[in-house]
Amino acid sequence: MGLRSNTCKINLFTCTCTKLMLASLALQDIRAADWSEYVAPFWPAVIQSALTWKGLTTLLRRGWKTIRGALVMPLMIKGYNKGLIKFAVITCRKPIRNLSYLELELELD
C-alpha cells in the first residue's frame, strides 16, 4: 500500500505506541504530549526567512541538505493541514536501581 494514497491515513508511529515501547524497556514516568500546534507556526516563519537576501545567502552557504530542508516546508504545512504530521514531545526516566551494600562495595572497587 503506497503512502501517496489520499484515502490512506495510517498513523505509523503514535504516542501510544511509543509509550508502550518505552514501558517495555522498563522506563518510568513516561509522558507524551502533542506539540503540533506549537510547531506548526514555525514553518511559515522558515519560509519567510528563507526568502530574504540573508536567508538565501545562508541557504547557499549551508549547502544542499539545508536547501532541501527549506524546500520541504510547504509539504510539511500541507501534511500538517491534512492531519498526516504530528510532533510529539516524550519524556521518561530510567528507574533508580536499588543496590545492596555488597553491590555498592563491588562497584567502588
Protein backbone atom coordinates (compact mmCIF):
# COMPACT_ATOMS: atom_id res chain seq x y z
CA MET A 1 0.00 0.00 0.00
CA GLY A 2 1.52 3.33 -1.04
CA LEU A 3 1.73 6.27 1.32
CA ARG A 4 0.72 8.63 -1.51
CA SER A 5 -2.88 7.45 -1.49
CA ASN A 6 -5.31 10.22 -0.47
CA THR A 7 -7.56 7.69 1.23
CA CYS A 8 -4.81 6.05 3.28
CA LYS A 9 -4.20 7.87 6.55
CA ILE A 10 -2.15 5.50 8.68
CA ASN A 11 -0.70 6.75 11.93
CA LEU A 12 2.62 4.90 11.68
CA PHE A 13 4.17 5.98 14.96
CA THR A 14 1.75 7.21 17.57
CA CYS A 15 2.49 8.50 21.05
CA THR A 16 0.67 5.49 22.49
CA CYS A 17 2.87 3.11 20.52
CA THR A 18 5.98 4.95 21.66
CA LYS A 19 4.88 4.94 25.29
CA LEU A 20 4.29 1.18 25.14
CA MET A 21 7.70 0.65 23.59
CA LEU A 22 9.41 2.74 26.28
CA ALA A 23 7.49 0.95 29.03
CA SER A 24 8.73 -2.37 27.64
CA LEU A 25 12.27 -1.06 28.24
CA ALA A 26 11.43 -0.62 31.93
CA LEU A 27 11.46 3.18 31.71
CA GLN A 28 9.32 5.10 34.17
CA ASP A 29 7.27 8.31 34.33
CA ILE A 30 6.59 8.16 30.60
CA ARG A 31 4.70 11.24 29.45
CA ALA A 32 3.77 12.37 25.97
CA ALA A 33 2.14 15.47 24.57
CA ASP A 34 1.15 16.56 21.08
CA TRP A 35 3.04 19.79 20.33
CA SER A 36 1.98 20.02 16.70
CA GLU A 37 0.04 23.25 17.20
CA TYR A 38 3.13 24.87 18.75
CA VAL A 39 5.49 23.67 16.00
CA ALA A 40 3.24 24.50 13.01
CA PRO A 41 3.74 28.31 13.16
CA PHE A 42 7.47 27.69 12.73
CA TRP A 43 7.10 26.51 9.11
CA PRO A 44 5.79 29.76 7.57
CA ALA A 45 8.45 31.65 9.53
CA VAL A 46 11.15 29.46 7.99
CA ILE A 47 9.79 30.07 4.50
CA GLN A 48 9.64 33.83 5.09
CA SER A 49 13.19 33.96 6.43
CA ALA A 50 14.47 31.85 3.52
CA LEU A 51 13.05 34.37 1.05
CA THR A 52 15.14 37.25 2.40
CA TRP A 53 18.57 38.11 0.97
CA LYS A 54 20.26 36.93 4.17
CA GLY A 55 18.20 33.73 4.13
CA LEU A 56 19.05 32.92 0.53
CA THR A 57 22.77 33.52 1.04
CA THR A 58 22.73 31.42 4.22
CA LEU A 59 20.99 28.56 2.41
CA LEU A 60 23.57 28.65 -0.35
CA ARG A 61 26.45 28.67 2.15
CA ARG A 62 25.00 25.80 4.20
CA GLY A 63 24.66 23.52 1.21
CA TRP A 64 22.25 21.17 -0.47
CA LYS A 65 21.00 19.47 2.71
CA THR A 66 19.80 22.77 4.14
CA ILE A 67 18.26 23.83 0.83
CA ARG A 68 16.32 20.55 0.66
CA GLY A 69 15.13 21.14 4.23
CA ALA A 70 13.83 24.59 3.30
CA LEU A 71 12.13 23.30 0.15
CA VAL A 72 10.19 20.68 2.12
CA MET A 73 8.50 23.25 4.39
CA PRO A 74 5.44 23.73 2.12
CA LEU A 75 4.98 19.95 2.12
CA MET A 76 5.20 19.89 5.91
CA ILE A 77 2.47 22.53 6.11
CA LYS A 78 0.31 20.57 3.67
CA GLY A 79 0.83 17.33 5.60
CA TYR A 80 0.02 19.02 8.91
CA ASN A 81 -3.17 20.55 7.48
CA LYS A 82 -4.23 17.08 6.28
CA GLY A 83 -3.54 15.57 9.70
CA LEU A 84 -0.65 13.42 8.43
CA ILE A 85 2.11 15.02 10.50
CA LYS A 86 2.25 15.26 14.28
CA PHE A 87 5.03 16.40 16.56
CA ALA A 88 5.17 14.79 19.96
CA VAL A 89 7.28 15.53 22.99
CA ILE A 90 8.03 12.43 25.02
CA THR A 91 9.83 12.30 28.34
CA CYS A 92 10.76 9.41 30.59
CA ARG A 93 13.40 8.38 33.07
CA LYS A 94 15.44 5.34 33.86
CA PRO A 95 14.42 3.60 37.08
CA ILE A 96 16.60 4.14 40.10
CA ARG A 97 18.49 0.96 40.76
CA ASN A 98 18.45 -0.06 44.40
CA LEU A 99 21.85 -1.51 45.09
CA SER A 100 22.59 -3.61 48.11
CA TYR A 101 25.51 -2.74 50.34
CA LEU A 102 27.58 -5.59 48.82
CA GLU A 103 26.89 -4.41 45.25
CA LEU A 104 27.94 -0.87 46.18
CA GLU A 105 31.23 -2.16 47.59
CA LEU A 106 31.88 -4.17 44.42
CA GLU A 107 31.14 -1.17 42.19
CA LEU A 108 33.54 1.01 44.15
CA ASP A 109 36.43 -1.44 43.75
